[in-house]
C-alpha atoms as a PDB file:
ATOM      1  CA  MET A   1      67.607  58.420 -62.850  1.00  0.00           C
ATOM      2  CA  PHE A   2      67.665  61.438 -65.056  1.00  0.00           C
ATOM      3  CA  ASP A   3      69.302  64.872 -63.979  1.00  0.00           C
ATOM      4  CA  ILE A   4      67.647  67.976 -64.381  1.00  0.00           C
ATOM      5  CA  HIS A   5      70.723  69.545 -65.747  1.00  0.00           C
ATOM      6  CA  ASP A   6      71.084  66.854 -68.402  1.00  0.00           C
ATOM      7  CA  ILE A   7      67.774  67.517 -69.423  1.00  0.00           C
ATOM      8  CA  SER A   8      68.139  70.838 -69.732  1.00  0.00           C
ATOM      9  CA  GLU A   9      71.152  70.623 -71.675  1.00  0.00           C
ATOM     10  CA  VAL A  10      69.405  68.583 -74.068  1.00  0.00           C
ATOM     11  CA  VAL A  11      66.378  71.036 -74.299  1.00  0.00           C
ATOM     12  CA  TYR A  12      68.460  73.514 -74.714  1.00  0.00           C
ATOM     13  CA  GLN A  13      70.414  72.226 -77.850  1.00  0.00           C
ATOM     14  CA  GLU A  14      67.526  70.572 -79.557  1.00  0.00           C
ATOM     15  CA  THR A  15      65.783  73.895 -79.310  1.00  0.00           C
ATOM     16  CA  PHE A  16      68.709  75.921 -80.510  1.00  0.00           C
ATOM     17  CA  ASP A  17      69.066  73.304 -83.437  1.00  0.00           C
ATOM     18  CA  LYS A  18      66.224  73.758 -84.425  1.00  0.00           C
ATOM     19  CA  MET A  19      65.154  77.199 -84.055  1.00  0.00           C
ATOM     20  CA  TYR A  20      68.561  78.440 -85.769  1.00  0.00           C
ATOM     21  CA  ASP A  21      67.700  76.379 -88.692  1.00  0.00           C
ATOM     22  CA  SER A  22      64.290  77.475 -89.198  1.00  0.00           C
ATOM     23  CA  LEU A  23      65.438  80.937 -88.701  1.00  0.00           C
ATOM     24  CA  VAL A  24      68.062  81.095 -91.689  1.00  0.00           C
ATOM     25  CA  ALA A  25      65.765  78.702 -93.897  1.00  0.00           C
ATOM     26  CA  GLU A  26      62.946  81.252 -93.435  1.00  0.00           C
ATOM     27  CA  TYR A  27      65.135  84.573 -93.879  1.00  0.00           C
ATOM     28  CA  LYS A  28      67.081  83.284 -96.872  1.00  0.00           C
ATOM     29  CA  ASN A  29      63.709  82.444 -98.662  1.00  0.00           C
ATOM     30  CA  GLY A  30      62.618  85.925 -97.832  1.00  0.00           C
ATOM     31  CA  GLU A  31      59.591  84.785 -95.280  1.00  0.00           C
ATOM     32  CA  ILE A  32      61.126  86.907 -92.265  1.00  0.00           C
ATOM     33  CA  ASP A  33      63.179  90.070 -92.449  1.00  0.00           C
ATOM     34  CA  LEU A  34      65.644  91.607 -90.031  1.00  0.00           C
ATOM     35  CA  GLU A  35      63.697  93.952 -88.497  1.00  0.00           C
ATOM     36  CA  THR A  36      61.068  91.202 -87.296  1.00  0.00           C
ATOM     37  CA  LEU A  37      63.825  88.778 -86.536  1.00  0.00           C
ATOM     38  CA  GLU A  38      65.384  91.845 -83.668  1.00  0.00           C
ATOM     39  CA  ARG A  39      61.608  92.547 -82.883  1.00  0.00           C
ATOM     40  CA  ASN A  40      61.220  88.616 -82.298  1.00  0.00           C
ATOM     41  CA  GLU A  41      64.355  88.739 -80.081  1.00  0.00           C
ATOM     42  CA  GLU A  42      62.920  91.512 -77.546  1.00  0.00           C
ATOM     43  CA  GLU A  43      59.855  89.593 -76.999  1.00  0.00           C
ATOM     44  CA  GLN A  44      61.723  86.150 -76.467  1.00  0.00           C
ATOM     45  CA  GLN A  45      64.127  88.403 -74.077  1.00  0.00           C
ATOM     46  CA  LYS A  46      61.048  89.068 -72.045  1.00  0.00           C
ATOM     47  CA  ILE A  47      59.701  85.660 -72.151  1.00  0.00           C
ATOM     48  CA  LEU A  48      63.011  84.290 -70.980  1.00  0.00           C
ATOM     49  CA  MET A  49      62.979  86.908 -67.732  1.00  0.00           C
ATOM     50  CA  ASN A  50      59.773  85.393 -67.173  1.00  0.00           C
ATOM     51  CA  GLY A  51      61.338  81.760 -67.699  1.00  0.00           C
ATOM     52  CA  LEU A  52      63.797  82.081 -64.841  1.00  0.00           C
ATOM     53  CA  TYR A  53      61.043  81.909 -62.249  1.00  0.00           C
ATOM     54  CA  GLU A  54      59.364  78.829 -64.398  1.00  0.00           C
ATOM     55  CA  GLY A  55      62.057  76.416 -63.552  1.00  0.00           C
ATOM     56  CA  GLU A  56      65.386  75.399 -64.958  1.00  0.00           C
ATOM     57  CA  THR A  57      63.992  73.590 -68.802  1.00  0.00           C
ATOM     58  CA  LYS A  58      61.692  76.329 -69.307  1.00  0.00           C
ATOM     59  CA  PHE A  59      64.332  78.823 -68.983  1.00  0.00           C
ATOM     60  CA  ALA A  60      66.940  76.572 -71.332  1.00  0.00           C
ATOM     61  CA  HIS A  61      64.116  76.250 -73.910  1.00  0.00           C
ATOM     62  CA  THR A  62      63.802  80.027 -74.113  1.00  0.00           C
ATOM     63  CA  ASN A  63      67.199  80.489 -73.556  1.00  0.00           C
ATOM     64  CA  ALA A  64      68.129  78.447 -77.138  1.00  0.00           C
ATOM     65  CA  ILE A  65      65.068  80.800 -78.607  1.00  0.00           C
ATOM     66  CA  VAL A  66      67.014  84.037 -77.871  1.00  0.00           C
ATOM     67  CA  ASP A  67      70.437  82.615 -78.875  1.00  0.00           C
ATOM     68  CA  ALA A  68      69.306  81.418 -82.215  1.00  0.00           C
ATOM     69  CA  HIS A  69      67.722  84.728 -82.676  1.00  0.00           C
ATOM     70  CA  GLN A  70      71.013  86.588 -81.712  1.00  0.00           C
ATOM     71  CA  PHE A  71      73.135  84.137 -83.776  1.00  0.00           C
ATOM     72  CA  VAL A  72      70.994  84.366 -86.636  1.00  0.00           C
ATOM     73  CA  ILE A  73      70.737  88.500 -86.596  1.00  0.00           C
ATOM     74  CA  THR A  74      74.461  88.582 -86.096  1.00  0.00           C
ATOM     75  CA  LEU A  75      75.370  86.314 -89.124  1.00  0.00           C
ATOM     76  CA  ILE A  76      73.379  88.184 -91.190  1.00  0.00           C
ATOM     77  CA  LYS A  77      74.458  91.599 -90.302  1.00  0.00           C
ATOM     78  CA  ASN A  78      78.011  90.429 -90.712  1.00  0.00           C
ATOM     79  CA  GLY A  79      76.995  89.036 -94.308  1.00  0.00           C
ATOM     80  CA  LYS A  80      77.251  85.437 -93.468  1.00  0.00           C
ATOM     81  CA  ILE A  81      73.764  84.372 -94.300  1.00  0.00           C
ATOM     82  CA  LYS A  82      71.959  86.112 -97.470  1.00  0.00           C
ATOM     83  CA  LYS A  83      68.745  85.940 -98.938  1.00  0.00           C
ATOM     84  CA  GLU A  84      68.480  83.634-101.800  1.00  0.00           C
ATOM     85  CA  ASP A  85      67.740  85.298-105.348  1.00  0.00           C
END
């Protein structure tokens, strides 16, 4: 039998990993800029608050998206991720 907490953790980690990799690649390739990342993160925060009432798995999914955005934004601002020339 599956435990909902285990499922939520798997959903979170898989979503975070995919989102993080995608955001880094898009930023490095110039497909997305810092301002767009910040705007997207704000929109996802709103969705996250609504997801809180839609169940644990939905919340974990949206939380991973928000966390990935915040992590990438922080790395960009700290000079750890740079656009490719």
